[in-house]
Amino acid sequence: MSTGVSPEQVRFAERVTAAFGLEARLLRLLTAVHEAGHAIVGHTVGLHVTGATVTNAEAIGLGGDHIAVDYAAYPAPIIPLPHTLAMGVAGFQASCTWLEGRGLDGDSEPYSTLLNLLANTDLHGCAELCRLAGLPASRTHDAVEAAGRILHHRWRATLRLAYVLTAAETMDRTALLPYLEDDPAQLQAAKEDYRVWRRDTAHLWCAGQ
């Protein structure tokens, strides 16, 4: 288990783990899919993903799973908010997509509540970014569509990365890059779809909208 975790967090994680009804190796893969979703979408929108980690805990929800991004490497003074939000919600969207691939509806209970609990930090962080930008928290939900469009094109790359991350536990940028750049045609298609989404939703990203 992760260190520095309270008994209450452990009990919560154990309840979540049991409620998913998946064996340990699939729970670990679900966690890796979540982080791979962040990494793939972040890279696709132009962010500099430098690492990814999945813990070896036997229960999910204990923290310690994350990706690393070098925001200073972005080639412009300001990173567009939709980029950050799309990456932020991508873990949630990837988890839903993976569950649906196993015949489990991520929008139905108990999976919807569980996924929202597990992505709580991501979603609250996105809502706070919207608040700071003077935008409604609902812009987070708009970003879910962007993440979904990218993952639609890049789902095979997401799964490939997730399987490798499950085994490796930690990957640096050198190890990640072949998977982030996997299938150039689909990468370009995802970038183009994202550009179309940015164009069609440009009016949503003005303060007060």
N, C-alpha and C. Protein backbone atom coordinates (compact mmCIF):
# COMPACT_ATOMS: atom_id res chain seq x y z
N MET A 1 0.84 -1.19 0.00
CA MET A 1 0.00 0.00 0.00
C MET A 1 0.88 1.25 0.00
N SER A 2 0.30 2.38 -0.37
CA SER A 2 1.04 3.63 -0.34
C SER A 2 1.31 4.03 1.10
N THR A 3 2.40 4.71 1.32
CA THR A 3 2.72 5.18 2.66
C THR A 3 2.07 6.53 2.89
N GLY A 4 1.96 6.94 4.19
CA GLY A 4 1.38 8.22 4.50
C GLY A 4 -0.11 8.30 4.22
N VAL A 5 -0.79 7.18 4.25
CA VAL A 5 -2.22 7.13 3.97
C VAL A 5 -2.96 6.78 5.25
N SER A 6 -4.02 7.51 5.53
CA SER A 6 -4.77 7.28 6.77
C SER A 6 -5.58 6.00 6.69
N PRO A 7 -5.92 5.41 7.86
CA PRO A 7 -6.77 4.21 7.86
C PRO A 7 -8.11 4.46 7.17
N GLU A 8 -8.65 5.70 7.29
CA GLU A 8 -9.92 6.02 6.63
C GLU A 8 -9.77 5.95 5.11
N GLN A 9 -8.65 6.45 4.60
CA GLN A 9 -8.41 6.37 3.16
C GLN A 9 -8.28 4.93 2.70
N VAL A 10 -7.61 4.11 3.50
CA VAL A 10 -7.45 2.70 3.15
C VAL A 10 -8.81 2.01 3.10
N ARG A 11 -9.65 2.26 4.10
CA ARG A 11 -10.98 1.64 4.12
C ARG A 11 -11.82 2.11 2.93
N PHE A 12 -11.72 3.41 2.61
CA PHE A 12 -12.45 3.93 1.45
C PHE A 12 -11.97 3.23 0.18
N ALA A 13 -10.66 3.13 0.01
CA ALA A 13 -10.10 2.50 -1.18
C ALA A 13 -10.54 1.05 -1.29
N GLU A 14 -10.58 0.36 -0.17
CA GLU A 14 -10.99 -1.05 -0.18
C GLU A 14 -12.46 -1.18 -0.58
N ARG A 15 -13.30 -0.24 -0.11
CA ARG A 15 -14.72 -0.27 -0.50
C ARG A 15 -14.88 -0.02 -1.99
N VAL A 16 -14.14 0.97 -2.50
CA VAL A 16 -14.20 1.27 -3.93
C VAL A 16 -13.74 0.07 -4.74
N THR A 17 -12.64 -0.52 -4.32
CA THR A 17 -12.08 -1.68 -5.02
C THR A 17 -13.10 -2.81 -5.07
N ALA A 18 -13.74 -3.09 -3.95
CA ALA A 18 -14.73 -4.16 -3.90
C ALA A 18 -15.95 -3.84 -4.76
N ALA A 19 -16.36 -2.56 -4.75
CA ALA A 19 -17.55 -2.17 -5.50
C ALA A 19 -17.36 -2.32 -7.00
N PHE A 20 -16.13 -2.10 -7.49
CA PHE A 20 -15.87 -2.27 -8.92
C PHE A 20 -16.03 -3.73 -9.33
N GLY A 21 -15.78 -4.65 -8.42
CA GLY A 21 -15.94 -6.07 -8.72
C GLY A 21 -14.95 -6.60 -9.74
N LEU A 22 -13.78 -5.97 -9.84
CA LEU A 22 -12.75 -6.40 -10.78
C LEU A 22 -11.58 -6.98 -10.01
N GLU A 23 -10.95 -7.99 -10.58
CA GLU A 23 -9.78 -8.57 -9.92
C GLU A 23 -8.63 -7.58 -9.91
N ALA A 24 -7.64 -7.84 -9.05
CA ALA A 24 -6.58 -6.87 -8.80
C ALA A 24 -5.84 -6.45 -10.07
N ARG A 25 -5.56 -7.39 -10.97
CA ARG A 25 -4.78 -7.03 -12.16
C ARG A 25 -5.56 -6.10 -13.07
N LEU A 26 -6.90 -6.25 -13.09
CA LEU A 26 -7.73 -5.37 -13.92
C LEU A 26 -7.91 -4.01 -13.28
N LEU A 27 -7.96 -3.98 -11.95
CA LEU A 27 -8.01 -2.70 -11.26
C LEU A 27 -6.73 -1.90 -11.52
N ARG A 28 -5.62 -2.62 -11.51
CA ARG A 28 -4.34 -1.96 -11.79
C ARG A 28 -4.31 -1.45 -13.23
N LEU A 29 -4.84 -2.23 -14.15
CA LEU A 29 -4.90 -1.81 -15.54
C LEU A 29 -5.83 -0.60 -15.70
N LEU A 30 -6.95 -0.59 -14.98
CA LEU A 30 -7.86 0.55 -15.03
C LEU A 30 -7.14 1.82 -14.59
N THR A 31 -6.35 1.71 -13.52
CA THR A 31 -5.57 2.86 -13.07
C THR A 31 -4.58 3.31 -14.14
N ALA A 32 -3.93 2.35 -14.79
CA ALA A 32 -2.97 2.69 -15.84
C ALA A 32 -3.67 3.32 -17.04
N VAL A 33 -4.87 2.85 -17.37
CA VAL A 33 -5.64 3.45 -18.46
C VAL A 33 -5.96 4.90 -18.12
N HIS A 34 -6.32 5.15 -16.88
CA HIS A 34 -6.61 6.51 -16.43
C HIS A 34 -5.41 7.43 -16.67
N GLU A 35 -4.23 7.00 -16.22
CA GLU A 35 -3.03 7.83 -16.38
C GLU A 35 -2.60 7.92 -17.85
N ALA A 36 -2.75 6.83 -18.58
CA ALA A 36 -2.42 6.86 -20.01
C ALA A 36 -3.33 7.83 -20.75
N GLY A 37 -4.59 7.92 -20.35
CA GLY A 37 -5.51 8.88 -20.96
C GLY A 37 -5.02 10.30 -20.77
N HIS A 38 -4.61 10.63 -19.54
CA HIS A 38 -4.04 11.96 -19.29
C HIS A 38 -2.85 12.22 -20.21
N ALA A 39 -1.94 11.24 -20.27
CA ALA A 39 -0.69 11.42 -21.03
C ALA A 39 -0.95 11.56 -22.53
N ILE A 40 -1.78 10.70 -23.07
CA ILE A 40 -2.05 10.72 -24.52
C ILE A 40 -2.74 12.02 -24.93
N VAL A 41 -3.75 12.43 -24.17
CA VAL A 41 -4.46 13.66 -24.51
C VAL A 41 -3.56 14.87 -24.29
N GLY A 42 -2.82 14.88 -23.19
CA GLY A 42 -1.91 15.99 -22.95
C GLY A 42 -0.92 16.16 -24.08
N HIS A 43 -0.32 15.07 -24.52
CA HIS A 43 0.64 15.13 -25.62
C HIS A 43 -0.04 15.59 -26.91
N THR A 44 -1.23 15.10 -27.17
CA THR A 44 -1.93 15.43 -28.42
C THR A 44 -2.26 16.92 -28.52
N VAL A 45 -2.59 17.54 -27.39
CA VAL A 45 -2.91 18.97 -27.43
C VAL A 45 -1.66 19.85 -27.35
N GLY A 46 -0.49 19.23 -27.24
CA GLY A 46 0.74 20.00 -27.30
C GLY A 46 1.46 20.23 -25.99
N LEU A 47 1.03 19.56 -24.92
CA LEU A 47 1.71 19.70 -23.64
C LEU A 47 2.88 18.72 -23.55
N HIS A 48 3.88 19.08 -22.74
CA HIS A 48 5.14 18.34 -22.67
C HIS A 48 5.07 17.35 -21.51
N VAL A 49 4.58 16.14 -21.80
CA VAL A 49 4.44 15.10 -20.77
C VAL A 49 5.81 14.48 -20.52
N THR A 50 6.23 14.48 -19.26
CA THR A 50 7.59 14.03 -18.93
C THR A 50 7.65 12.74 -18.14
N GLY A 51 6.52 12.25 -17.63
CA GLY A 51 6.56 11.02 -16.86
C GLY A 51 5.18 10.52 -16.52
N ALA A 52 5.10 9.25 -16.12
CA ALA A 52 3.84 8.65 -15.67
C ALA A 52 4.16 7.58 -14.64
N THR A 53 3.31 7.48 -13.62
CA THR A 53 3.53 6.52 -12.53
C THR A 53 2.22 5.86 -12.14
N VAL A 54 2.27 4.56 -11.93
CA VAL A 54 1.15 3.81 -11.37
C VAL A 54 1.69 3.02 -10.18
N THR A 55 1.07 3.18 -9.03
CA THR A 55 1.55 2.48 -7.84
C THR A 55 1.20 0.99 -7.92
N ASN A 56 1.83 0.22 -7.06
CA ASN A 56 1.55 -1.22 -7.04
C ASN A 56 0.58 -1.59 -5.92
N ALA A 57 -0.20 -0.60 -5.45
CA ALA A 57 -1.18 -0.88 -4.40
C ALA A 57 -2.25 -1.84 -4.91
N GLU A 58 -2.77 -2.65 -4.01
CA GLU A 58 -3.80 -3.63 -4.38
C GLU A 58 -5.20 -3.03 -4.31
N ALA A 59 -5.32 -1.79 -3.89
CA ALA A 59 -6.60 -1.09 -3.88
C ALA A 59 -6.42 0.23 -4.61
N ILE A 60 -7.44 0.65 -5.32
CA ILE A 60 -7.35 1.92 -6.04
C ILE A 60 -7.98 3.02 -5.19
N GLY A 61 -7.56 4.25 -5.45
CA GLY A 61 -8.09 5.38 -4.70
C GLY A 61 -7.19 5.86 -3.60
N LEU A 62 -5.96 5.32 -3.52
CA LEU A 62 -5.03 5.71 -2.47
C LEU A 62 -4.08 6.81 -2.92
N GLY A 63 -4.14 7.21 -4.16
CA GLY A 63 -3.24 8.25 -4.64
C GLY A 63 -1.89 7.67 -5.04
N GLY A 64 -1.02 8.55 -5.49
CA GLY A 64 0.31 8.13 -5.93
C GLY A 64 0.39 7.87 -7.42
N ASP A 65 -0.74 7.74 -8.07
CA ASP A 65 -0.78 7.55 -9.53
C ASP A 65 -0.86 8.93 -10.18
N HIS A 66 0.02 9.21 -11.12
CA HIS A 66 0.03 10.56 -11.70
C HIS A 66 0.85 10.59 -12.98
N ILE A 67 0.69 11.68 -13.73
CA ILE A 67 1.61 11.99 -14.81
C ILE A 67 2.32 13.29 -14.45
N ALA A 68 3.45 13.53 -15.09
CA ALA A 68 4.19 14.78 -14.88
C ALA A 68 4.21 15.55 -16.18
N VAL A 69 4.03 16.86 -16.09
CA VAL A 69 4.00 17.74 -17.26
C VAL A 69 4.91 18.93 -17.00
N ASP A 70 5.76 19.23 -17.96
CA ASP A 70 6.61 20.42 -17.89
C ASP A 70 5.87 21.55 -18.61
N TYR A 71 5.10 22.32 -17.85
CA TYR A 71 4.30 23.38 -18.46
C TYR A 71 5.18 24.50 -19.04
N ALA A 72 6.36 24.68 -18.46
CA ALA A 72 7.27 25.73 -18.94
C ALA A 72 7.77 25.45 -20.35
N ALA A 73 7.66 24.19 -20.80
CA ALA A 73 8.14 23.83 -22.14
C ALA A 73 7.13 24.18 -23.23
N TYR A 74 5.93 24.63 -22.85
CA TYR A 74 4.93 24.98 -23.86
C TYR A 74 5.44 26.18 -24.67
N PRO A 75 5.33 26.13 -26.00
CA PRO A 75 5.97 27.14 -26.85
C PRO A 75 5.23 28.47 -26.95
N ALA A 76 4.52 28.85 -25.92
CA ALA A 76 3.82 30.14 -25.90
C ALA A 76 3.73 30.58 -24.44
N PRO A 77 3.60 31.89 -24.20
CA PRO A 77 3.57 32.37 -22.81
C PRO A 77 2.39 31.84 -21.99
N ILE A 78 1.26 31.63 -22.66
CA ILE A 78 0.05 31.18 -21.96
C ILE A 78 -0.46 29.90 -22.60
N ILE A 79 -0.72 28.90 -21.77
CA ILE A 79 -1.30 27.64 -22.25
C ILE A 79 -2.81 27.82 -22.34
N PRO A 80 -3.43 27.58 -23.51
CA PRO A 80 -4.89 27.71 -23.61
C PRO A 80 -5.60 26.84 -22.57
N LEU A 81 -6.58 27.41 -21.91
CA LEU A 81 -7.31 26.67 -20.88
C LEU A 81 -7.89 25.35 -21.40
N PRO A 82 -8.47 25.31 -22.62
CA PRO A 82 -9.00 24.03 -23.10
C PRO A 82 -7.96 22.91 -23.14
N HIS A 83 -6.69 23.24 -23.40
CA HIS A 83 -5.63 22.22 -23.39
C HIS A 83 -5.54 21.57 -22.02
N THR A 84 -5.46 22.43 -21.00
CA THR A 84 -5.29 21.93 -19.63
C THR A 84 -6.51 21.15 -19.17
N LEU A 85 -7.70 21.65 -19.51
CA LEU A 85 -8.93 20.97 -19.09
C LEU A 85 -9.08 19.63 -19.80
N ALA A 86 -8.80 19.59 -21.10
CA ALA A 86 -8.92 18.32 -21.83
C ALA A 86 -8.01 17.26 -21.23
N MET A 87 -6.78 17.65 -20.92
CA MET A 87 -5.87 16.70 -20.29
C MET A 87 -6.38 16.31 -18.90
N GLY A 88 -6.91 17.30 -18.17
CA GLY A 88 -7.35 17.04 -16.81
C GLY A 88 -8.50 16.06 -16.70
N VAL A 89 -9.43 16.10 -17.66
CA VAL A 89 -10.59 15.20 -17.62
C VAL A 89 -10.34 13.90 -18.37
N ALA A 90 -9.20 13.80 -19.05
CA ALA A 90 -8.96 12.64 -19.92
C ALA A 90 -8.86 11.33 -19.15
N GLY A 91 -8.36 11.37 -17.93
CA GLY A 91 -8.28 10.14 -17.15
C GLY A 91 -9.66 9.57 -16.87
N PHE A 92 -10.56 10.45 -16.49
CA PHE A 92 -11.96 10.05 -16.24
C PHE A 92 -12.57 9.47 -17.51
N GLN A 93 -12.39 10.16 -18.64
CA GLN A 93 -12.98 9.71 -19.90
C GLN A 93 -12.38 8.38 -20.35
N ALA A 94 -11.07 8.23 -20.18
CA ALA A 94 -10.42 6.97 -20.56
C ALA A 94 -10.92 5.81 -19.71
N SER A 95 -11.11 6.06 -18.41
CA SER A 95 -11.63 5.01 -17.53
C SER A 95 -13.02 4.58 -17.95
N CYS A 96 -13.88 5.55 -18.28
CA CYS A 96 -15.23 5.23 -18.75
C CYS A 96 -15.18 4.39 -20.02
N THR A 97 -14.32 4.80 -20.96
CA THR A 97 -14.22 4.08 -22.23
C THR A 97 -13.74 2.65 -22.02
N TRP A 98 -12.78 2.48 -21.13
CA TRP A 98 -12.26 1.14 -20.85
C TRP A 98 -13.33 0.25 -20.22
N LEU A 99 -14.09 0.79 -19.27
CA LEU A 99 -15.16 0.01 -18.65
C LEU A 99 -16.21 -0.39 -19.68
N GLU A 100 -16.56 0.55 -20.55
CA GLU A 100 -17.56 0.25 -21.57
C GLU A 100 -17.08 -0.84 -22.52
N GLY A 101 -15.77 -0.88 -22.75
CA GLY A 101 -15.21 -1.94 -23.58
C GLY A 101 -15.32 -3.31 -22.94
N ARG A 102 -15.51 -3.34 -21.64
CA ARG A 102 -15.73 -4.60 -20.91
C ARG A 102 -17.21 -4.85 -20.64
N GLY A 103 -18.07 -4.07 -21.30
CA GLY A 103 -19.51 -4.27 -21.14
C GLY A 103 -20.07 -3.63 -19.89
N LEU A 104 -19.32 -2.71 -19.27
CA LEU A 104 -19.78 -2.03 -18.06
C LEU A 104 -20.02 -0.56 -18.39
N ASP A 105 -21.20 -0.06 -18.07
CA ASP A 105 -21.59 1.30 -18.41
C ASP A 105 -21.06 2.28 -17.38
N GLY A 106 -20.05 3.07 -17.78
CA GLY A 106 -19.47 4.04 -16.86
C GLY A 106 -20.41 5.14 -16.45
N ASP A 107 -21.52 5.31 -17.18
CA ASP A 107 -22.51 6.34 -16.83
C ASP A 107 -23.59 5.82 -15.89
N SER A 108 -23.57 4.52 -15.59
CA SER A 108 -24.58 3.94 -14.70
C SER A 108 -23.97 3.66 -13.34
N GLU A 109 -24.84 3.45 -12.36
CA GLU A 109 -24.36 3.15 -11.01
C GLU A 109 -24.02 1.67 -10.88
N PRO A 110 -23.04 1.29 -10.06
CA PRO A 110 -22.27 2.18 -9.17
C PRO A 110 -21.06 2.83 -9.85
N TYR A 111 -20.85 2.52 -11.14
CA TYR A 111 -19.60 2.92 -11.78
C TYR A 111 -19.47 4.43 -11.93
N SER A 112 -20.58 5.13 -12.21
CA SER A 112 -20.51 6.58 -12.37
C SER A 112 -20.02 7.25 -11.09
N THR A 113 -20.63 6.87 -9.96
CA THR A 113 -20.21 7.44 -8.68
C THR A 113 -18.77 7.09 -8.36
N LEU A 114 -18.40 5.84 -8.61
CA LEU A 114 -17.04 5.40 -8.31
C LEU A 114 -16.01 6.16 -9.14
N LEU A 115 -16.29 6.30 -10.43
CA LEU A 115 -15.35 7.01 -11.30
C LEU A 115 -15.24 8.47 -10.90
N ASN A 116 -16.36 9.08 -10.53
CA ASN A 116 -16.32 10.46 -10.09
C ASN A 116 -15.53 10.62 -8.79
N LEU A 117 -15.66 9.64 -7.89
CA LEU A 117 -14.89 9.68 -6.66
C LEU A 117 -13.40 9.55 -6.94
N LEU A 118 -13.06 8.63 -7.82
CA LEU A 118 -11.65 8.38 -8.12
C LEU A 118 -11.03 9.56 -8.89
N ALA A 119 -11.83 10.24 -9.68
CA ALA A 119 -11.33 11.39 -10.45
C ALA A 119 -11.62 12.71 -9.74
N ASN A 120 -11.98 12.63 -8.47
CA ASN A 120 -12.42 13.81 -7.73
C ASN A 120 -11.39 14.94 -7.78
N THR A 121 -10.11 14.62 -7.54
CA THR A 121 -9.07 15.64 -7.54
C THR A 121 -8.93 16.29 -8.91
N ASP A 122 -8.94 15.46 -9.96
CA ASP A 122 -8.84 15.98 -11.33
C ASP A 122 -9.99 16.93 -11.63
N LEU A 123 -11.21 16.49 -11.34
CA LEU A 123 -12.39 17.26 -11.71
C LEU A 123 -12.48 18.55 -10.91
N HIS A 124 -12.15 18.49 -9.62
CA HIS A 124 -12.17 19.70 -8.80
C HIS A 124 -11.09 20.68 -9.26
N GLY A 125 -9.94 20.14 -9.64
CA GLY A 125 -8.88 20.99 -10.14
C GLY A 125 -9.29 21.72 -11.41
N CYS A 126 -9.98 21.01 -12.30
CA CYS A 126 -10.47 21.64 -13.53
C CYS A 126 -11.52 22.70 -13.23
N ALA A 127 -12.42 22.40 -12.30
CA ALA A 127 -13.45 23.38 -11.92
C ALA A 127 -12.81 24.63 -11.33
N GLU A 128 -11.74 24.46 -10.55
CA GLU A 128 -11.06 25.61 -9.97
C GLU A 128 -10.37 26.45 -11.04
N LEU A 129 -9.78 25.81 -12.04
CA LEU A 129 -9.18 26.55 -13.15
C LEU A 129 -10.24 27.38 -13.87
N CYS A 130 -11.42 26.80 -14.06
CA CYS A 130 -12.51 27.55 -14.69
C CYS A 130 -12.88 28.76 -13.84
N ARG A 131 -12.98 28.56 -12.54
CA ARG A 131 -13.34 29.67 -11.65
C ARG A 131 -12.31 30.80 -11.74
N LEU A 132 -11.05 30.43 -11.72
CA LEU A 132 -9.99 31.45 -11.79
C LEU A 132 -10.02 32.20 -13.12
N ALA A 133 -10.50 31.52 -14.17
CA ALA A 133 -10.59 32.17 -15.49
C ALA A 133 -11.89 32.93 -15.68
N GLY A 134 -12.75 32.94 -14.65
CA GLY A 134 -14.03 33.63 -14.75
C GLY A 134 -15.05 32.89 -15.57
N LEU A 135 -14.90 31.57 -15.65
CA LEU A 135 -15.81 30.74 -16.44
C LEU A 135 -16.59 29.80 -15.54
N PRO A 136 -17.77 29.36 -15.96
CA PRO A 136 -18.54 28.41 -15.14
C PRO A 136 -17.86 27.05 -15.09
N ALA A 137 -18.09 26.33 -13.99
CA ALA A 137 -17.49 25.01 -13.83
C ALA A 137 -17.95 24.05 -14.91
N SER A 138 -19.07 24.35 -15.55
CA SER A 138 -19.60 23.47 -16.60
C SER A 138 -18.67 23.39 -17.81
N ARG A 139 -17.70 24.32 -17.92
CA ARG A 139 -16.73 24.21 -19.02
C ARG A 139 -15.92 22.92 -18.89
N THR A 140 -15.83 22.39 -17.67
CA THR A 140 -15.16 21.09 -17.48
C THR A 140 -15.87 20.01 -18.27
N HIS A 141 -17.20 20.04 -18.27
CA HIS A 141 -17.96 19.04 -19.02
C HIS A 141 -17.77 19.21 -20.52
N ASP A 142 -17.61 20.44 -20.97
CA ASP A 142 -17.33 20.66 -22.39
C ASP A 142 -15.98 20.05 -22.77
N ALA A 143 -15.02 20.13 -21.86
CA ALA A 143 -13.70 19.57 -22.12
C ALA A 143 -13.73 18.04 -22.21
N VAL A 144 -14.70 17.42 -21.54
CA VAL A 144 -14.84 15.96 -21.64
C VAL A 144 -15.08 15.55 -23.10
N GLU A 145 -15.84 16.36 -23.82
CA GLU A 145 -16.08 16.06 -25.24
C GLU A 145 -14.76 16.11 -26.01
N ALA A 146 -13.93 17.10 -25.72
CA ALA A 146 -12.64 17.21 -26.41
C ALA A 146 -11.78 16.00 -26.12
N ALA A 147 -11.70 15.61 -24.85
CA ALA A 147 -10.91 14.43 -24.49
C ALA A 147 -11.46 13.19 -25.18
N GLY A 148 -12.78 13.07 -25.24
CA GLY A 148 -13.39 11.92 -25.89
C GLY A 148 -13.06 11.85 -27.37
N ARG A 149 -13.05 12.99 -28.03
CA ARG A 149 -12.71 13.02 -29.46
C ARG A 149 -11.28 12.54 -29.68
N ILE A 150 -10.37 13.04 -28.85
CA ILE A 150 -8.97 12.63 -29.00
C ILE A 150 -8.81 11.15 -28.72
N LEU A 151 -9.41 10.68 -27.64
CA LEU A 151 -9.28 9.26 -27.28
C LEU A 151 -9.91 8.35 -28.32
N HIS A 152 -10.94 8.83 -28.99
CA HIS A 152 -11.56 8.04 -30.06
C HIS A 152 -10.53 7.70 -31.13
N HIS A 153 -9.72 8.67 -31.50
CA HIS A 153 -8.69 8.44 -32.51
C HIS A 153 -7.49 7.68 -31.93
N ARG A 154 -7.23 7.87 -30.64
CA ARG A 154 -5.97 7.40 -30.08
C ARG A 154 -6.17 6.30 -29.04
N TRP A 155 -7.27 5.56 -29.17
CA TRP A 155 -7.57 4.56 -28.16
C TRP A 155 -6.56 3.42 -28.16
N ARG A 156 -6.14 2.98 -29.33
CA ARG A 156 -5.14 1.91 -29.38
C ARG A 156 -3.84 2.35 -28.73
N ALA A 157 -3.42 3.57 -28.99
CA ALA A 157 -2.20 4.09 -28.36
C ALA A 157 -2.37 4.18 -26.84
N THR A 158 -3.56 4.56 -26.40
CA THR A 158 -3.83 4.65 -24.96
C THR A 158 -3.71 3.28 -24.30
N LEU A 159 -4.30 2.27 -24.93
CA LEU A 159 -4.23 0.92 -24.37
C LEU A 159 -2.81 0.37 -24.39
N ARG A 160 -2.09 0.62 -25.46
CA ARG A 160 -0.71 0.15 -25.53
C ARG A 160 0.12 0.76 -24.40
N LEU A 161 -0.03 2.05 -24.20
CA LEU A 161 0.70 2.71 -23.13
C LEU A 161 0.26 2.17 -21.77
N ALA A 162 -1.03 1.96 -21.58
CA ALA A 162 -1.52 1.47 -20.29
C ALA A 162 -0.95 0.10 -19.95
N TYR A 163 -0.90 -0.80 -20.93
CA TYR A 163 -0.36 -2.14 -20.66
C TYR A 163 1.11 -2.06 -20.26
N VAL A 164 1.87 -1.22 -20.94
CA VAL A 164 3.29 -1.08 -20.62
C VAL A 164 3.47 -0.42 -19.25
N LEU A 165 2.67 0.61 -18.97
CA LEU A 165 2.76 1.30 -17.70
C LEU A 165 2.38 0.40 -16.53
N THR A 166 1.42 -0.49 -16.75
CA THR A 166 1.03 -1.43 -15.71
C THR A 166 2.23 -2.26 -15.25
N ALA A 167 3.03 -2.69 -16.20
CA ALA A 167 4.20 -3.51 -15.88
C ALA A 167 5.38 -2.68 -15.38
N ALA A 168 5.57 -1.51 -15.99
CA ALA A 168 6.76 -0.71 -15.68
C ALA A 168 6.61 0.09 -14.38
N GLU A 169 5.39 0.44 -14.03
CA GLU A 169 5.06 1.28 -12.86
C GLU A 169 5.46 2.74 -13.05
N THR A 170 6.65 3.01 -13.54
CA THR A 170 7.10 4.38 -13.77
C THR A 170 7.79 4.47 -15.13
N MET A 171 7.44 5.51 -15.88
CA MET A 171 8.04 5.74 -17.20
C MET A 171 8.45 7.19 -17.30
N ASP A 172 9.67 7.44 -17.79
CA ASP A 172 10.09 8.81 -18.04
C ASP A 172 9.73 9.20 -19.47
N ARG A 173 10.10 10.41 -19.87
CA ARG A 173 9.69 10.88 -21.18
C ARG A 173 10.27 10.02 -22.31
N THR A 174 11.51 9.59 -22.14
CA THR A 174 12.13 8.76 -23.17
C THR A 174 11.34 7.49 -23.39
N ALA A 175 10.90 6.87 -22.30
CA ALA A 175 10.11 5.63 -22.41
C ALA A 175 8.71 5.90 -22.93
N LEU A 176 8.15 7.05 -22.57
CA LEU A 176 6.78 7.37 -22.98
C LEU A 176 6.66 7.73 -24.45
N LEU A 177 7.66 8.42 -24.97
CA LEU A 177 7.53 9.06 -26.27
C LEU A 177 7.11 8.13 -27.41
N PRO A 178 7.64 6.90 -27.51
CA PRO A 178 7.18 6.02 -28.60
C PRO A 178 5.68 5.75 -28.55
N TYR A 179 5.10 5.75 -27.34
CA TYR A 179 3.66 5.49 -27.20
C TYR A 179 2.87 6.78 -27.42
N LEU A 180 3.41 7.91 -26.97
CA LEU A 180 2.74 9.19 -27.20
C LEU A 180 2.68 9.53 -28.68
N GLU A 181 3.70 9.09 -29.43
CA GLU A 181 3.77 9.37 -30.87
C GLU A 181 3.26 8.19 -31.71
N ASP A 182 2.73 7.16 -31.06
CA ASP A 182 2.31 5.94 -31.76
C ASP A 182 1.23 6.25 -32.79
N ASP A 183 1.30 5.56 -33.95
CA ASP A 183 0.31 5.68 -35.01
C ASP A 183 0.15 7.14 -35.46
N PRO A 184 1.14 7.67 -36.19
CA PRO A 184 1.14 9.08 -36.59
C PRO A 184 -0.13 9.53 -37.31
N ALA A 185 -0.72 8.65 -38.11
CA ALA A 185 -1.93 9.04 -38.83
C ALA A 185 -3.07 9.34 -37.85
N GLN A 186 -3.22 8.50 -36.83
CA GLN A 186 -4.27 8.72 -35.85
C GLN A 186 -3.95 9.92 -34.96
N LEU A 187 -2.67 10.14 -34.69
CA LEU A 187 -2.26 11.31 -33.93
C LEU A 187 -2.66 12.58 -34.67
N GLN A 188 -2.39 12.62 -35.98
CA GLN A 188 -2.77 13.79 -36.77
C GLN A 188 -4.27 13.96 -36.85
N ALA A 189 -4.99 12.84 -36.98
CA ALA A 189 -6.45 12.91 -37.02
C ALA A 189 -7.01 13.46 -35.72
N ALA A 190 -6.41 13.05 -34.60
CA ALA A 190 -6.85 13.53 -33.29
C ALA A 190 -6.57 15.03 -33.15
N LYS A 191 -5.40 15.46 -33.62
CA LYS A 191 -5.07 16.89 -33.56
C LYS A 191 -6.04 17.71 -34.39
N GLU A 192 -6.38 17.21 -35.56
CA GLU A 192 -7.31 17.94 -36.42
C GLU A 192 -8.69 17.99 -35.81
N ASP A 193 -9.15 16.88 -35.24
CA ASP A 193 -10.47 16.86 -34.60
C ASP A 193 -10.50 17.83 -33.43
N TYR A 194 -9.40 17.89 -32.69
CA TYR A 194 -9.32 18.83 -31.57
C TYR A 194 -9.35 20.28 -32.07
N ARG A 195 -8.65 20.56 -33.17
CA ARG A 195 -8.68 21.91 -33.74
C ARG A 195 -10.10 22.30 -34.14
N VAL A 196 -10.83 21.36 -34.73
CA VAL A 196 -12.22 21.62 -35.12
C VAL A 196 -13.06 21.92 -33.88
N TRP A 197 -12.87 21.12 -32.84
CA TRP A 197 -13.61 21.34 -31.58
C TRP A 197 -13.28 22.71 -31.00
N ARG A 198 -12.00 23.10 -31.02
CA ARG A 198 -11.60 24.43 -30.52
C ARG A 198 -12.30 25.53 -31.30
N ARG A 199 -12.35 25.37 -32.62
CA ARG A 199 -13.00 26.37 -33.46
C ARG A 199 -14.50 26.46 -33.15
N ASP A 200 -15.14 25.30 -33.04
CA ASP A 200 -16.58 25.27 -32.84
C ASP A 200 -17.00 25.72 -31.45
N THR A 201 -16.09 25.65 -30.49
CA THR A 201 -16.44 26.03 -29.10
C THR A 201 -15.73 27.30 -28.65
N ALA A 202 -15.16 28.04 -29.59
CA ALA A 202 -14.37 29.23 -29.23
C ALA A 202 -15.18 30.20 -28.36
N HIS A 203 -16.48 30.30 -28.62
CA HIS A 203 -17.31 31.24 -27.89
C HIS A 203 -17.47 30.87 -26.42
N LEU A 204 -17.19 29.61 -26.08
CA LEU A 204 -17.38 29.17 -24.70
C LEU A 204 -16.25 29.61 -23.78
N TRP A 205 -15.14 30.00 -24.36
CA TRP A 205 -13.95 30.24 -23.55
C TRP A 205 -13.69 31.71 -23.29
N CYS A 206 -14.75 32.51 -23.43
CA CYS A 206 -14.67 33.93 -23.08
C CYS A 206 -15.29 34.11 -21.70
N ALA A 207 -14.64 34.85 -20.85
CA ALA A 207 -15.14 35.06 -19.49
C ALA A 207 -16.58 35.59 -19.54
N GLY A 208 -17.41 35.02 -18.66
CA GLY A 208 -18.80 35.43 -18.59
C GLY A 208 -19.74 34.57 -19.41
N GLN A 209 -19.15 33.65 -20.22
CA GLN A 209 -19.99 32.76 -21.03
C GLN A 209 -20.48 31.58 -20.18
